[in-house]
């Protein structure tokens, strides 16, 4: 894992995720503002359209990658060396927790 997101690879993933999010955010604002939501069921139906949820899950995955790379760099640069492993474990656990919560939320929306 360290080899996968280190140095130039980490920078490349950071840039890819940043560009995707730069395109996704205006798309999602446009998509949601262009529709009328009179009831929760209509809102849920719009969120479950493939043209919205597929880019949304890609954006959430890339947001987690973006967070990992950026926060990992901050931890490695500013934490004392003896706390690096602990900081990375806490960061990884937190991002896994957020991922699990997003999956749970997605499953709840599809009910």
C-alpha atoms as a PDB file:
ATOM      1  CA  UNK A   1       0.000   0.000   0.000  1.00  0.00           C
ATOM      2  CA  UNK A   2       2.834   2.370   0.765  1.00  0.00           C
ATOM      3  CA  UNK A   3       4.295   1.829  -2.698  1.00  0.00           C
ATOM      4  CA  UNK A   4       0.915   2.339  -4.350  1.00  0.00           C
ATOM      5  CA  UNK A   5       0.321   5.813  -2.938  1.00  0.00           C
ATOM      6  CA  UNK A   6       3.762   7.278  -2.456  1.00  0.00           C
ATOM      7  CA  UNK A   7       5.702   9.945  -4.299  1.00  0.00           C
ATOM      8  CA  UNK A   8       4.611  10.552  -7.864  1.00  0.00           C
ATOM      9  CA  UNK A   9       1.764   8.000  -7.691  1.00  0.00           C
ATOM     10  CA  UNK A  10       0.257   9.779  -4.696  1.00  0.00           C
ATOM     11  CA  UNK A  11       0.565  13.122  -6.457  1.00  0.00           C
ATOM     12  CA  UNK A  12      -1.083  11.685  -9.574  1.00  0.00           C
ATOM     13  CA  UNK A  13      -4.013  10.277  -7.571  1.00  0.00           C
ATOM     14  CA  UNK A  14      -4.354  13.575  -5.735  1.00  0.00           C
ATOM     15  CA  UNK A  15      -4.591  15.474  -9.023  1.00  0.00           C
ATOM     16  CA  UNK A  16      -6.985  12.974 -10.653  1.00  0.00           C
ATOM     17  CA  UNK A  17      -9.329  13.099  -7.666  1.00  0.00           C
ATOM     18  CA  UNK A  18      -9.140  16.896  -7.492  1.00  0.00           C
ATOM     19  CA  UNK A  19     -10.016  17.295 -11.172  1.00  0.00           C
ATOM     20  CA  UNK A  20     -12.874  14.798 -10.933  1.00  0.00           C
ATOM     21  CA  UNK A  21     -14.315  16.540  -7.877  1.00  0.00           C
ATOM     22  CA  UNK A  22     -13.915  19.877  -9.643  1.00  0.00           C
ATOM     23  CA  UNK A  23     -16.167  18.559 -12.417  1.00  0.00           C
ATOM     24  CA  UNK A  24     -18.513  16.551 -10.187  1.00  0.00           C
ATOM     25  CA  UNK A  25     -19.563  19.317  -7.784  1.00  0.00           C
ATOM     26  CA  UNK A  26     -21.027  21.659 -10.438  1.00  0.00           C
ATOM     27  CA  UNK A  27     -22.654  18.634 -12.109  1.00  0.00           C
ATOM     28  CA  UNK A  28     -24.364  17.564  -8.884  1.00  0.00           C
ATOM     29  CA  UNK A  29     -25.497  21.107  -8.098  1.00  0.00           C
ATOM     30  CA  UNK A  30     -26.934  21.432 -11.601  1.00  0.00           C
ATOM     31  CA  UNK A  31     -28.556  17.972 -11.485  1.00  0.00           C
ATOM     32  CA  UNK A  32     -30.244  18.537  -8.138  1.00  0.00           C
ATOM     33  CA  UNK A  33     -31.265  22.153  -8.778  1.00  0.00           C
ATOM     34  CA  UNK A  34     -32.837  21.242 -12.119  1.00  0.00           C
ATOM     35  CA  UNK A  35     -35.380  18.918 -10.490  1.00  0.00           C
ATOM     36  CA  UNK A  36     -38.427  19.470  -8.350  1.00  0.00           C
ATOM     37  CA  UNK A  37     -38.696  17.665  -5.026  1.00  0.00           C
ATOM     38  CA  UNK A  38     -42.243  17.808  -3.719  1.00  0.00           C
ATOM     39  CA  UNK A  39     -41.948  14.633  -1.679  1.00  0.00           C
ATOM     40  CA  UNK A  40     -39.139  12.555  -0.211  1.00  0.00           C
ATOM     41  CA  UNK A  41     -39.942   9.726  -2.618  1.00  0.00           C
ATOM     42  CA  UNK A  42     -39.225  11.990  -5.606  1.00  0.00           C
ATOM     43  CA  UNK A  43     -35.949  13.088  -4.053  1.00  0.00           C
ATOM     44  CA  UNK A  44     -34.979   9.467  -3.407  1.00  0.00           C
ATOM     45  CA  UNK A  45     -35.944   8.483  -6.961  1.00  0.00           C
ATOM     46  CA  UNK A  46     -33.721  11.225  -8.404  1.00  0.00           C
ATOM     47  CA  UNK A  47     -30.805  10.159  -6.215  1.00  0.00           C
ATOM     48  CA  UNK A  48     -31.156   6.565  -7.422  1.00  0.00           C
ATOM     49  CA  UNK A  49     -30.963   7.441 -11.115  1.00  0.00           C
ATOM     50  CA  UNK A  50     -27.789   5.873 -12.596  1.00  0.00           C
ATOM     51  CA  UNK A  51     -26.700   9.185 -14.129  1.00  0.00           C
ATOM     52  CA  UNK A  52     -26.439  10.558 -10.588  1.00  0.00           C
ATOM     53  CA  UNK A  53     -25.437   7.733  -8.266  1.00  0.00           C
ATOM     54  CA  UNK A  54     -22.645   6.284 -10.438  1.00  0.00           C
ATOM     55  CA  UNK A  55     -20.702   9.589 -10.576  1.00  0.00           C
ATOM     56  CA  UNK A  56     -21.537  10.136  -6.907  1.00  0.00           C
ATOM     57  CA  UNK A  57     -19.974   6.852  -5.794  1.00  0.00           C
ATOM     58  CA  UNK A  58     -16.931   7.521  -7.954  1.00  0.00           C
ATOM     59  CA  UNK A  59     -16.670  10.975  -6.350  1.00  0.00           C
ATOM     60  CA  UNK A  60     -16.981   9.538  -2.840  1.00  0.00           C
ATOM     61  CA  UNK A  61     -14.289   6.955  -3.539  1.00  0.00           C
ATOM     62  CA  UNK A  62     -11.980   9.580  -4.981  1.00  0.00           C
ATOM     63  CA  UNK A  63     -12.726  11.878  -2.048  1.00  0.00           C
ATOM     64  CA  UNK A  64     -11.537   9.159   0.315  1.00  0.00           C
ATOM     65  CA  UNK A  65      -8.370   8.630  -1.770  1.00  0.00           C
ATOM     66  CA  UNK A  66      -7.824  12.401  -1.862  1.00  0.00           C
ATOM     67  CA  UNK A  67      -8.262  12.601   1.915  1.00  0.00           C
ATOM     68  CA  UNK A  68      -5.887   9.707   2.528  1.00  0.00           C
ATOM     69  CA  UNK A  69      -3.102  11.156   0.392  1.00  0.00           C
ATOM     70  CA  UNK A  70      -3.422  14.692   1.731  1.00  0.00           C
ATOM     71  CA  UNK A  71      -3.811  13.827   5.400  1.00  0.00           C
ATOM     72  CA  UNK A  72      -1.116  11.163   5.204  1.00  0.00           C
ATOM     73  CA  UNK A  73       1.315  13.738   3.877  1.00  0.00           C
ATOM     74  CA  UNK A  74       0.374  16.151   6.661  1.00  0.00           C
ATOM     75  CA  UNK A  75       0.812  13.454   9.310  1.00  0.00           C
ATOM     76  CA  UNK A  76       4.165  12.337   7.947  1.00  0.00           C
ATOM     77  CA  UNK A  77       5.417  15.915   7.709  1.00  0.00           C
ATOM     78  CA  UNK A  78       4.228  17.268  11.057  1.00  0.00           C
ATOM     79  CA  UNK A  79       3.922  14.359  13.500  1.00  0.00           C
ATOM     80  CA  UNK A  80       7.015  13.292  15.394  1.00  0.00           C
ATOM     81  CA  UNK A  81       8.473  10.180  13.788  1.00  0.00           C
ATOM     82  CA  UNK A  82       7.537   7.911  16.718  1.00  0.00           C
ATOM     83  CA  UNK A  83       3.830   8.781  16.274  1.00  0.00           C
ATOM     84  CA  UNK A  84       3.675   8.260  12.491  1.00  0.00           C
ATOM     85  CA  UNK A  85       2.427   4.672  12.590  1.00  0.00           C
ATOM     86  CA  UNK A  86      -0.202   5.433  15.219  1.00  0.00           C
ATOM     87  CA  UNK A  87      -1.379   8.503  13.292  1.00  0.00           C
ATOM     88  CA  UNK A  88      -1.643   6.552  10.043  1.00  0.00           C
ATOM     89  CA  UNK A  89      -3.575   3.734  11.739  1.00  0.00           C
ATOM     90  CA  UNK A  90      -6.026   6.237  13.245  1.00  0.00           C
ATOM     91  CA  UNK A  91      -6.391   8.009   9.883  1.00  0.00           C
ATOM     92  CA  UNK A  92      -6.917   4.722   8.016  1.00  0.00           C
ATOM     93  CA  UNK A  93      -9.430   3.538  10.582  1.00  0.00           C
ATOM     94  CA  UNK A  94     -11.320   6.808  10.375  1.00  0.00           C
ATOM     95  CA  UNK A  95     -11.478   6.649   6.585  1.00  0.00           C
ATOM     96  CA  UNK A  96     -12.625   3.022   6.740  1.00  0.00           C
ATOM     97  CA  UNK A  97     -15.337   4.075   9.204  1.00  0.00           C
ATOM     98  CA  UNK A  98     -16.488   6.843   6.844  1.00  0.00           C
ATOM     99  CA  UNK A  99     -16.506   4.359   3.945  1.00  0.00           C
ATOM    100  CA  UNK A 100     -18.630   1.908   5.939  1.00  0.00           C
ATOM    101  CA  UNK A 101     -21.063   4.679   6.873  1.00  0.00           C
ATOM    102  CA  UNK A 102     -21.382   5.731   3.214  1.00  0.00           C
ATOM    103  CA  UNK A 103     -22.085   2.146   2.175  1.00  0.00           C
ATOM    104  CA  UNK A 104     -24.694   1.861   4.927  1.00  0.00           C
ATOM    105  CA  UNK A 105     -26.296   5.130   3.780  1.00  0.00           C
ATOM    106  CA  UNK A 106     -26.395   3.882   0.183  1.00  0.00           C
ATOM    107  CA  UNK A 107     -28.069   0.659   1.287  1.00  0.00           C
ATOM    108  CA  UNK A 108     -30.633   2.629   3.295  1.00  0.00           C
ATOM    109  CA  UNK A 109     -31.465   4.818   0.283  1.00  0.00           C
ATOM    110  CA  UNK A 110     -32.186   1.798  -1.885  1.00  0.00           C
ATOM    111  CA  UNK A 111     -34.848   0.445   0.487  1.00  0.00           C
END
